Each structure stands twice: as C-alpha cells, then as structure tokens.
Amino acid sequence: MKLVSWNVNGIRACKEKGFMDFFNSIDADIFCIQETKMQEGQADVDIPGYYRYMSSAIKKGYSGTMVYTKEKPLSVRYGLKDGKYNDEGRVIICEYDKFYLVNVYTPNSQDGLKRLDYRMVYEDDLRNYLLSLDKPVVLCGDLNVAHERIDIKNPDSNQRNAGFTIEERNKMTQLLESGFIDSYRYLYPTKVEYSWWSYRFNARANNAGWRIDYFIVSKDKLDSIKEAKIHTGVYGSDHCPVELIFEI
C-alpha cells in the first residue's frame, strides 16, 4: 500500500503549480493533504477513482485537511474526541479493516510562541486519542516539529523558534515512547533530508530546511514499514510530499 502526505499550502494554488501531475504520477492508494485553505464547494477537487473526505476551518483560507482514498473507509471521523479541533479542520480519521489512517495538521505555535500552550494541549489530546483506538495507527501530516537536531539545518539558532522548542520536541518524544515509530527515521537513522523550507532567504535553494512532515506508525507494525521517502524534488508548495510504503 502506498500512502502520500503533502502540506500543499493552499490546494487551489497548488493545483496551478503541478499538483495533479504529481498526484497522477505517484498513484497513491491514500493521499493525505494538509493546509487546504478552502471550504467545500469553493473549487472542484474531486478526482476520479478516489473517495474524498474534507475538513475545513471555520475561518476561510485557513488550515484544513483532506484525504483521497481508493478504498472506501469503514468509517470517517472528523476531529478528536467530541469533534475537538473541527473548528480549524485539523484532523480526519479513516478507519479501514486493519488500521486507522489519521491525517493531521498540527497547530503552529506561532511567532513569539503565542500558541504554544494551545499546542501542548493538542499534543496530549492527539496522543490520548491515538492510544484509545482499537487497531494499529498510521498517523501522517504536517506535525510542525523538527524532532531531532538532524531534522533541521540550523538547530542552534532555532532553539526557541516555533517547531523546534524543547517543549514541542519533548511531546514528539512522548508520542513515540507511547508506542509509535517515525517511519523515515526508523529506516534512515542518519539521513539528512528536509520537507519544509521558508520562502525567505532563498532557503530552498540553499537547502536550509526542516523535516516536519511525517508518517508515524504503531510500533507493533514495525515490520509493515517497507519504504519511506521525502520527495524533495517536487515543488508547488513550501513543503514537499512524503511517502510511506506499508504492508498490512
């Protein structure tokens, strides 16, 4: 099974920058999107051969997630317990016969860490929800954290910047220690690749990036992880797509 995740930084804009070329060429079984920045009905985003599920933020042009899947899920849920975080369209859960696919767009702690406290609550809510599920989990999306120093080009100068604070990194460690594994780092413990680059300072051309897009898998399905890729050569967003080959 081939799964792909991509923060497109606006699906309508990305469609003008080659989104469909990549989508068609990768031929994913499940394709997850973050930061759609659109409401239902604002654009035609249906794709033949795929079921589509979408969660939009109340605020227009903000956040949002979407899932394309060839196989119809047994059930689809939006948000966490009691639909929490649905106001920002941050979570879609697709239940399949043998696993749950959880597509998330983790809140950014923002400049000055104005939203760090909110982010900490979200992290606990997400982890607790994943642990409550009765099947193995594949969690994917823009998790808005570079977990280790190897995952960011300039770790020393970013110690208190959103996405690399010790608080955010510790929450990722806590998630992994609760029974999950970072599929890419499991396969490639020393490889340096990034999935996001700032639009400022010619960061992408200089490869001054961050790895903040992930596929996180239940640890008891370790043997199901066959390949993990970061498609650094794919443009159209400030993020690039990430991929997981998963046998279950």
C-alpha atoms as a PDB file:
ATOM      1  CA  MET A   1       0.000   0.000   0.000  1.00  0.00           C
ATOM      2  CA  LYS A   2       1.336   3.420  -0.978  1.00  0.00           C
ATOM      3  CA  LEU A   3       0.462   6.397   1.207  1.00  0.00           C
ATOM      4  CA  VAL A   4       1.407  10.014   0.495  1.00  0.00           C
ATOM      5  CA  SER A   5       1.095  13.140   2.624  1.00  0.00           C
ATOM      6  CA  TRP A   6       1.589  16.737   1.482  1.00  0.00           C
ATOM      7  CA  ASN A   7       1.040  20.136   3.030  1.00  0.00           C
ATOM      8  CA  VAL A   8       0.050  21.951  -0.147  1.00  0.00           C
ATOM      9  CA  ASN A   9      -0.186  25.465   1.358  1.00  0.00           C
ATOM     10  CA  GLY A  10      -3.482  26.030  -0.432  1.00  0.00           C
ATOM     11  CA  ILE A  11      -4.885  23.317  -2.694  1.00  0.00           C
ATOM     12  CA  ARG A  12      -6.229  25.773  -5.258  1.00  0.00           C
ATOM     13  CA  ALA A  13      -2.844  27.460  -5.611  1.00  0.00           C
ATOM     14  CA  CYS A  14      -1.017  24.125  -5.676  1.00  0.00           C
ATOM     15  CA  LYS A  15      -3.254  22.855  -8.474  1.00  0.00           C
ATOM     16  CA  GLU A  16      -1.893  25.731 -10.559  1.00  0.00           C
ATOM     17  CA  LYS A  17       1.667  24.601  -9.771  1.00  0.00           C
ATOM     18  CA  GLY A  18       1.631  20.965 -10.848  1.00  0.00           C
ATOM     19  CA  PHE A  19      -0.308  19.234  -8.075  1.00  0.00           C
ATOM     20  CA  MET A  20      -2.183  16.941 -10.450  1.00  0.00           C
ATOM     21  CA  ASP A  21       0.988  15.973 -12.293  1.00  0.00           C
ATOM     22  CA  PHE A  22       2.466  14.655  -9.069  1.00  0.00           C
ATOM     23  CA  PHE A  23      -0.820  13.145  -7.890  1.00  0.00           C
ATOM     24  CA  ASN A  24      -1.261  11.176 -11.105  1.00  0.00           C
ATOM     25  CA  SER A  25       2.369  10.067 -11.324  1.00  0.00           C
ATOM     26  CA  ILE A  26       2.601   8.827  -7.718  1.00  0.00           C
ATOM     27  CA  ASP A  27      -0.632   6.767  -7.965  1.00  0.00           C
ATOM     28  CA  ALA A  28      -1.120   6.569  -4.190  1.00  0.00           C
ATOM     29  CA  ASP A  29      -3.662   4.311  -2.547  1.00  0.00           C
ATOM     30  CA  ILE A  30      -4.221   7.025   0.061  1.00  0.00           C
ATOM     31  CA  PHE A  31      -3.223  10.663  -0.453  1.00  0.00           C
ATOM     32  CA  CYS A  32      -3.476  12.993   2.538  1.00  0.00           C
ATOM     33  CA  ILE A  33      -3.378  16.774   2.314  1.00  0.00           C
ATOM     34  CA  GLN A  34      -2.897  19.490   4.899  1.00  0.00           C
ATOM     35  CA  GLU A  35      -3.454  23.250   4.742  1.00  0.00           C
ATOM     36  CA  THR A  36      -6.111  23.047   2.030  1.00  0.00           C
ATOM     37  CA  LYS A  37      -7.170  26.648   2.737  1.00  0.00           C
ATOM     38  CA  MET A  38     -10.618  26.168   1.249  1.00  0.00           C
ATOM     39  CA  GLN A  39     -14.218  25.443   2.075  1.00  0.00           C
ATOM     40  CA  GLU A  40     -16.327  22.744   0.471  1.00  0.00           C
ATOM     41  CA  GLY A  41     -17.607  23.938  -2.901  1.00  0.00           C
ATOM     42  CA  GLN A  42     -15.014  26.654  -3.495  1.00  0.00           C
ATOM     43  CA  ALA A  43     -13.295  24.572  -6.162  1.00  0.00           C
ATOM     44  CA  ASP A  44     -13.722  21.230  -7.920  1.00  0.00           C
ATOM     45  CA  VAL A  45     -11.299  18.930  -6.135  1.00  0.00           C
ATOM     46  CA  ASP A  46     -12.923  15.578  -6.903  1.00  0.00           C
ATOM     47  CA  ILE A  47     -10.606  13.088  -8.615  1.00  0.00           C
ATOM     48  CA  PRO A  48     -11.934  10.034 -10.492  1.00  0.00           C
ATOM     49  CA  GLY A  49     -11.110   6.741  -8.804  1.00  0.00           C
ATOM     50  CA  TYR A  50     -10.881   8.247  -5.311  1.00  0.00           C
ATOM     51  CA  TYR A  51     -13.248   8.835  -2.441  1.00  0.00           C
ATOM     52  CA  ARG A  52     -12.638  12.294  -0.975  1.00  0.00           C
ATOM     53  CA  TYR A  53     -13.073  13.460   2.619  1.00  0.00           C
ATOM     54  CA  MET A  54     -12.519  17.054   3.681  1.00  0.00           C
ATOM     55  CA  SER A  55     -12.460  19.026   6.912  1.00  0.00           C
ATOM     56  CA  SER A  56     -12.377  22.808   6.615  1.00  0.00           C
ATOM     57  CA  ALA A  57     -11.664  25.526   9.150  1.00  0.00           C
ATOM     58  CA  ILE A  58     -14.468  27.900  10.015  1.00  0.00           C
ATOM     59  CA  LYS A  59     -12.111  30.733   9.093  1.00  0.00           C
ATOM     60  CA  LYS A  60     -11.876  30.953   5.305  1.00  0.00           C
ATOM     61  CA  GLY A  61      -8.483  30.500   3.679  1.00  0.00           C
ATOM     62  CA  TYR A  62      -7.027  28.843   6.772  1.00  0.00           C
ATOM     63  CA  SER A  63      -5.820  25.376   7.761  1.00  0.00           C
ATOM     64  CA  GLY A  64      -7.912  22.376   6.616  1.00  0.00           C
ATOM     65  CA  THR A  65      -7.247  18.723   5.799  1.00  0.00           C
ATOM     66  CA  MET A  66      -8.345  16.309   3.078  1.00  0.00           C
ATOM     67  CA  VAL A  67      -7.990  12.610   2.285  1.00  0.00           C
ATOM     68  CA  TYR A  68      -8.201  10.894  -1.096  1.00  0.00           C
ATOM     69  CA  THR A  69      -8.522   7.122  -0.876  1.00  0.00           C
ATOM     70  CA  LYS A  70      -9.072   4.414  -3.467  1.00  0.00           C
ATOM     71  CA  GLU A  71     -10.666   2.109  -0.898  1.00  0.00           C
ATOM     72  CA  LYS A  72     -13.763   3.370   0.850  1.00  0.00           C
ATOM     73  CA  PRO A  73     -13.142   3.504   4.610  1.00  0.00           C
ATOM     74  CA  LEU A  74     -15.354   1.619   7.033  1.00  0.00           C
ATOM     75  CA  SER A  75     -15.920   4.931   8.796  1.00  0.00           C
ATOM     76  CA  VAL A  76     -14.672   8.509   8.721  1.00  0.00           C
ATOM     77  CA  ARG A  77     -14.410  10.808  11.729  1.00  0.00           C
ATOM     78  CA  TYR A  78     -13.531  14.478  11.914  1.00  0.00           C
ATOM     79  CA  GLY A  79     -11.690  15.973  14.860  1.00  0.00           C
ATOM     80  CA  LEU A  80     -10.711  14.162  18.021  1.00  0.00           C
ATOM     81  CA  LYS A  81     -12.991  13.301  20.930  1.00  0.00           C
ATOM     82  CA  ASP A  82     -16.293  15.174  20.609  1.00  0.00           C
ATOM     83  CA  GLY A  83     -15.089  16.734  17.348  1.00  0.00           C
ATOM     84  CA  LYS A  84     -12.398  18.778  19.076  1.00  0.00           C
ATOM     85  CA  TYR A  85     -10.302  20.846  16.627  1.00  0.00           C
ATOM     86  CA  ASN A  86     -13.000  20.680  13.964  1.00  0.00           C
ATOM     87  CA  ASP A  87     -13.203  24.484  14.092  1.00  0.00           C
ATOM     88  CA  GLU A  88      -9.811  24.530  12.369  1.00  0.00           C
ATOM     89  CA  GLY A  89     -10.254  21.388  10.264  1.00  0.00           C
ATOM     90  CA  ARG A  90      -7.160  19.751  11.685  1.00  0.00           C
ATOM     91  CA  VAL A  91      -7.965  16.036  11.901  1.00  0.00           C
ATOM     92  CA  ILE A  92      -9.503  13.351   9.689  1.00  0.00           C
ATOM     93  CA  ILE A  93      -9.601   9.708  10.835  1.00  0.00           C
ATOM     94  CA  CYS A  94     -10.329   6.981   8.278  1.00  0.00           C
ATOM     95  CA  GLU A  95     -10.992   3.513   9.620  1.00  0.00           C
ATOM     96  CA  TYR A  96     -10.015   0.540   7.453  1.00  0.00           C
ATOM     97  CA  ASP A  97     -10.296  -3.164   8.149  1.00  0.00           C
ATOM     98  CA  LYS A  98      -6.856  -3.491   9.748  1.00  0.00           C
ATOM     99  CA  PHE A  99      -5.775   0.029  10.709  1.00  0.00           C
ATOM    100  CA  TYR A 100      -6.722   3.664  11.258  1.00  0.00           C
ATOM    101  CA  LEU A 101      -5.340   6.374   8.989  1.00  0.00           C
ATOM    102  CA  VAL A 102      -5.103   9.650  10.910  1.00  0.00           C
ATOM    103  CA  ASN A 103      -4.360  12.763   8.845  1.00  0.00           C
ATOM    104  CA  VAL A 104      -3.463  15.824  10.915  1.00  0.00           C
ATOM    105  CA  TYR A 105      -2.310  19.397  10.555  1.00  0.00           C
ATOM    106  CA  THR A 106      -0.749  20.217  13.904  1.00  0.00           C
ATOM    107  CA  PRO A 107      -1.195  23.808  15.136  1.00  0.00           C
ATOM    108  CA  ASN A 108       1.824  26.063  14.733  1.00  0.00           C
ATOM    109  CA  SER A 109       2.995  27.634  17.986  1.00  0.00           C
ATOM    110  CA  GLN A 110       3.392  30.925  16.060  1.00  0.00           C
ATOM    111  CA  ASP A 111       5.829  33.810  16.394  1.00  0.00           C
ATOM    112  CA  GLY A 112       6.650  34.554  19.983  1.00  0.00           C
ATOM    113  CA  LEU A 113       5.228  31.116  20.874  1.00  0.00           C
ATOM    114  CA  LYS A 114       1.837  32.755  21.351  1.00  0.00           C
ATOM    115  CA  ARG A 115       0.062  29.449  20.766  1.00  0.00           C
ATOM    116  CA  LEU A 116       2.470  27.085  22.498  1.00  0.00           C
ATOM    117  CA  ASP A 117       0.107  26.373  25.401  1.00  0.00           C
ATOM    118  CA  TYR A 118      -2.706  25.547  22.968  1.00  0.00           C
ATOM    119  CA  ARG A 119      -0.305  23.325  21.058  1.00  0.00           C
ATOM    120  CA  MET A 120       0.672  21.426  24.226  1.00  0.00           C
ATOM    121  CA  VAL A 121      -2.980  20.610  24.976  1.00  0.00           C
ATOM    122  CA  TYR A 122      -3.487  19.488  21.372  1.00  0.00           C
ATOM    123  CA  GLU A 123      -0.467  17.165  21.591  1.00  0.00           C
ATOM    124  CA  ASP A 124      -1.858  15.468  24.691  1.00  0.00           C
ATOM    125  CA  ASP A 125      -5.337  15.210  23.177  1.00  0.00           C
ATOM    126  CA  LEU A 126      -3.969  13.654  19.994  1.00  0.00           C
ATOM    127  CA  ARG A 127      -1.737  11.142  21.787  1.00  0.00           C
ATOM    128  CA  ASN A 128      -4.530  10.070  24.127  1.00  0.00           C
ATOM    129  CA  TYR A 129      -6.913   9.677  21.211  1.00  0.00           C
ATOM    130  CA  LEU A 130      -4.470   7.535  19.224  1.00  0.00           C
ATOM    131  CA  LEU A 131      -3.912   5.306  22.248  1.00  0.00           C
ATOM    132  CA  SER A 132      -7.663   4.813  22.591  1.00  0.00           C
ATOM    133  CA  LEU A 133      -8.058   3.343  19.111  1.00  0.00           C
ATOM    134  CA  ASP A 134      -8.624  -0.397  18.823  1.00  0.00           C
ATOM    135  CA  LYS A 135      -6.490  -1.024  15.723  1.00  0.00           C
ATOM    136  CA  PRO A 136      -2.960  -0.126  14.628  1.00  0.00           C
ATOM    137  CA  VAL A 137      -2.485   3.505  13.573  1.00  0.00           C
ATOM    138  CA  VAL A 138      -0.804   5.282  10.684  1.00  0.00           C
ATOM    139  CA  LEU A 139      -0.538   8.951  11.641  1.00  0.00           C
ATOM    140  CA  CYS A 140       0.547  11.351   8.934  1.00  0.00           C
ATOM    141  CA  GLY A 141       0.720  15.025   8.199  1.00  0.00           C
ATOM    142  CA  ASP A 142       2.473  18.266   8.944  1.00  0.00           C
ATOM    143  CA  LEU A 143       3.331  17.778  12.619  1.00  0.00           C
ATOM    144  CA  ASN A 144       5.048  21.180  12.791  1.00  0.00           C
ATOM    145  CA  VAL A 145       8.085  19.935  14.705  1.00  0.00           C
ATOM    146  CA  ALA A 146      11.637  19.020  13.783  1.00  0.00           C
ATOM    147  CA  HIS A 147      12.149  16.271  16.321  1.00  0.00           C
ATOM    148  CA  GLU A 148      15.929  15.981  16.487  1.00  0.00           C
ATOM    149  CA  ARG A 149      18.869  18.207  15.578  1.00  0.00           C
ATOM    150  CA  ILE A 150      19.389  16.117  12.441  1.00  0.00           C
ATOM    151  CA  ASP A 151      15.934  17.201  11.288  1.00  0.00           C
ATOM    152  CA  ILE A 152      16.769  20.898  10.938  1.00  0.00           C
ATOM    153  CA  LYS A 153      19.511  22.736   9.084  1.00  0.00           C
ATOM    154  CA  ASN A 154      20.274  25.300  11.789  1.00  0.00           C
ATOM    155  CA  PRO A 155      19.375  23.821  15.186  1.00  0.00           C
ATOM    156  CA  ASP A 156      21.346  26.228  17.371  1.00  0.00           C
ATOM    157  CA  SER A 157      19.723  29.395  16.026  1.00  0.00           C
ATOM    158  CA  ASN A 158      16.212  27.909  16.237  1.00  0.00           C
ATOM    159  CA  GLN A 159      16.139  26.720  19.855  1.00  0.00           C
ATOM    160  CA  ARG A 160      13.199  28.968  20.826  1.00  0.00           C
ATOM    161  CA  ASN A 161      11.503  29.197  17.453  1.00  0.00           C
ATOM    162  CA  ALA A 162       8.138  27.547  16.839  1.00  0.00           C
ATOM    163  CA  GLY A 163       8.663  23.989  15.650  1.00  0.00           C
ATOM    164  CA  PHE A 164      11.958  23.405  17.443  1.00  0.00           C
ATOM    165  CA  THR A 165      11.279  24.286  21.064  1.00  0.00           C
ATOM    166  CA  ILE A 166      12.179  21.700  23.662  1.00  0.00           C
ATOM    167  CA  GLU A 167       8.500  21.586  24.647  1.00  0.00           C
ATOM    168  CA  GLU A 168       7.383  20.574  21.149  1.00  0.00           C
ATOM    169  CA  ARG A 169      10.238  18.136  20.684  1.00  0.00           C
ATOM    170  CA  ASN A 170       9.501  16.501  24.034  1.00  0.00           C
ATOM    171  CA  LYS A 171       5.876  15.997  23.021  1.00  0.00           C
ATOM    172  CA  MET A 172       7.053  14.141  19.910  1.00  0.00           C
ATOM    173  CA  THR A 173       9.357  12.011  22.061  1.00  0.00           C
ATOM    174  CA  GLN A 174       6.447  11.279  24.392  1.00  0.00           C
ATOM    175  CA  LEU A 175       4.276  10.220  21.457  1.00  0.00           C
ATOM    176  CA  LEU A 176       6.923   7.857  20.110  1.00  0.00           C
ATOM    177  CA  GLU A 177       7.636   6.397  23.547  1.00  0.00           C
ATOM    178  CA  SER A 178       3.934   5.645  23.995  1.00  0.00           C
ATOM    179  CA  GLY A 179       4.077   3.025  21.237  1.00  0.00           C
ATOM    180  CA  PHE A 180       4.800   4.623  17.862  1.00  0.00           C
ATOM    181  CA  ILE A 181       7.709   4.965  15.473  1.00  0.00           C
ATOM    182  CA  ASP A 182       8.869   7.592  12.988  1.00  0.00           C
ATOM    183  CA  SER A 183       8.945   5.506   9.807  1.00  0.00           C
ATOM    184  CA  TYR A 184      11.520   7.604   7.968  1.00  0.00           C
ATOM    185  CA  ARG A 185      13.966   7.820  10.856  1.00  0.00           C
ATOM    186  CA  TYR A 186      13.491   4.088  11.560  1.00  0.00           C
ATOM    187  CA  LEU A 187      14.670   3.248   8.038  1.00  0.00           C
ATOM    188  CA  TYR A 188      17.212   6.059   7.728  1.00  0.00           C
ATOM    189  CA  PRO A 189      18.642   6.902  11.158  1.00  0.00           C
ATOM    190  CA  THR A 190      21.383   9.207   9.848  1.00  0.00           C
ATOM    191  CA  LYS A 191      19.988  10.511   6.555  1.00  0.00           C
ATOM    192  CA  VAL A 192      19.551  14.269   6.221  1.00  0.00           C
ATOM    193  CA  GLU A 193      16.578  15.402   4.173  1.00  0.00           C
ATOM    194  CA  TYR A 194      14.008  18.100   4.760  1.00  0.00           C
ATOM    195  CA  SER A 195      10.333  18.528   3.897  1.00  0.00           C
ATOM    196  CA  TRP A 196       9.785  22.269   4.504  1.00  0.00           C
ATOM    197  CA  TRP A 197      11.711  25.404   3.589  1.00  0.00           C
ATOM    198  CA  SER A 198      10.903  29.011   4.390  1.00  0.00           C
ATOM    199  CA  TYR A 199      10.052  31.211   1.428  1.00  0.00           C
ATOM    200  CA  ARG A 200      12.534  33.721   2.859  1.00  0.00           C
ATOM    201  CA  PHE A 201      16.286  33.945   2.411  1.00  0.00           C
ATOM    202  CA  ASN A 202      16.369  31.601  -0.613  1.00  0.00           C
ATOM    203  CA  ALA A 203      16.058  28.755   1.886  1.00  0.00           C
ATOM    204  CA  ARG A 204      15.039  26.005  -0.526  1.00  0.00           C
ATOM    205  CA  ALA A 205      17.821  26.731  -2.993  1.00  0.00           C
ATOM    206  CA  ASN A 206      20.260  26.584  -0.078  1.00  0.00           C
ATOM    207  CA  ASN A 207      18.514  23.526   1.408  1.00  0.00           C
ATOM    208  CA  ALA A 208      18.126  25.321   4.723  1.00  0.00           C
ATOM    209  CA  GLY A 209      15.107  23.246   5.673  1.00  0.00           C
ATOM    210  CA  TRP A 210      13.231  21.385   8.368  1.00  0.00           C
ATOM    211  CA  ARG A 211      11.797  17.849   8.430  1.00  0.00           C
ATOM    212  CA  ILE A 212       8.347  18.415   9.891  1.00  0.00           C
ATOM    213  CA  ASP A 213       6.162  16.105   7.753  1.00  0.00           C
ATOM    214  CA  TYR A 214       5.860  12.538   8.976  1.00  0.00           C
ATOM    215  CA  PHE A 215       4.393   9.088   8.787  1.00  0.00           C
ATOM    216  CA  ILE A 216       4.176   7.755  12.351  1.00  0.00           C
ATOM    217  CA  VAL A 217       3.238   4.072  12.709  1.00  0.00           C
ATOM    218  CA  SER A 218       2.177   1.878  15.639  1.00  0.00           C
ATOM    219  CA  LYS A 219       5.312   0.158  16.887  1.00  0.00           C
ATOM    220  CA  ASP A 220       3.738  -3.298  16.714  1.00  0.00           C
ATOM    221  CA  LYS A 221       3.516  -2.829  12.917  1.00  0.00           C
ATOM    222  CA  LEU A 222       7.216  -2.104  12.542  1.00  0.00           C
ATOM    223  CA  ASP A 223       7.663  -4.928  10.042  1.00  0.00           C
ATOM    224  CA  SER A 224       4.977  -3.413   7.821  1.00  0.00           C
ATOM    225  CA  ILE A 225       7.179  -0.385   7.062  1.00  0.00           C
ATOM    226  CA  LYS A 226       8.790  -1.180   3.710  1.00  0.00           C
ATOM    227  CA  GLU A 227       9.937   2.239   2.468  1.00  0.00           C
ATOM    228  CA  ALA A 228       9.752   5.905   3.402  1.00  0.00           C
ATOM    229  CA  LYS A 229      10.563   8.750   1.037  1.00  0.00           C
ATOM    230  CA  ILE A 230      10.770  12.527   1.036  1.00  0.00           C
ATOM    231  CA  HIS A 231      10.119  13.907  -2.442  1.00  0.00           C
ATOM    232  CA  THR A 232      12.455  16.882  -2.220  1.00  0.00           C
ATOM    233  CA  GLY A 233      12.335  17.486  -5.965  1.00  0.00           C
ATOM    234  CA  VAL A 234       8.574  18.137  -6.008  1.00  0.00           C
ATOM    235  CA  TYR A 235       7.602  21.812  -5.918  1.00  0.00           C
ATOM    236  CA  GLY A 236       4.261  23.605  -5.752  1.00  0.00           C
ATOM    237  CA  SER A 237       4.319  24.367  -2.015  1.00  0.00           C
ATOM    238  CA  ASP A 238       6.787  25.373   0.688  1.00  0.00           C
ATOM    239  CA  HIS A 239       6.543  21.716   1.761  1.00  0.00           C
ATOM    240  CA  CYS A 240       7.299  18.672  -0.364  1.00  0.00           C
ATOM    241  CA  PRO A 241       5.378  15.366  -0.264  1.00  0.00           C
ATOM    242  CA  VAL A 242       6.378  12.439   1.942  1.00  0.00           C
ATOM    243  CA  GLU A 243       5.596   8.799   1.214  1.00  0.00           C
ATOM    244  CA  LEU A 244       5.192   5.514   3.054  1.00  0.00           C
ATOM    245  CA  ILE A 245       5.080   2.021   1.596  1.00  0.00           C
ATOM    246  CA  PHE A 246       3.184  -0.022   4.135  1.00  0.00           C
ATOM    247  CA  GLU A 247       2.111  -3.655   4.058  1.00  0.00           C
ATOM    248  CA  ILE A 248      -0.686  -4.635   6.417  1.00  0.00           C
END
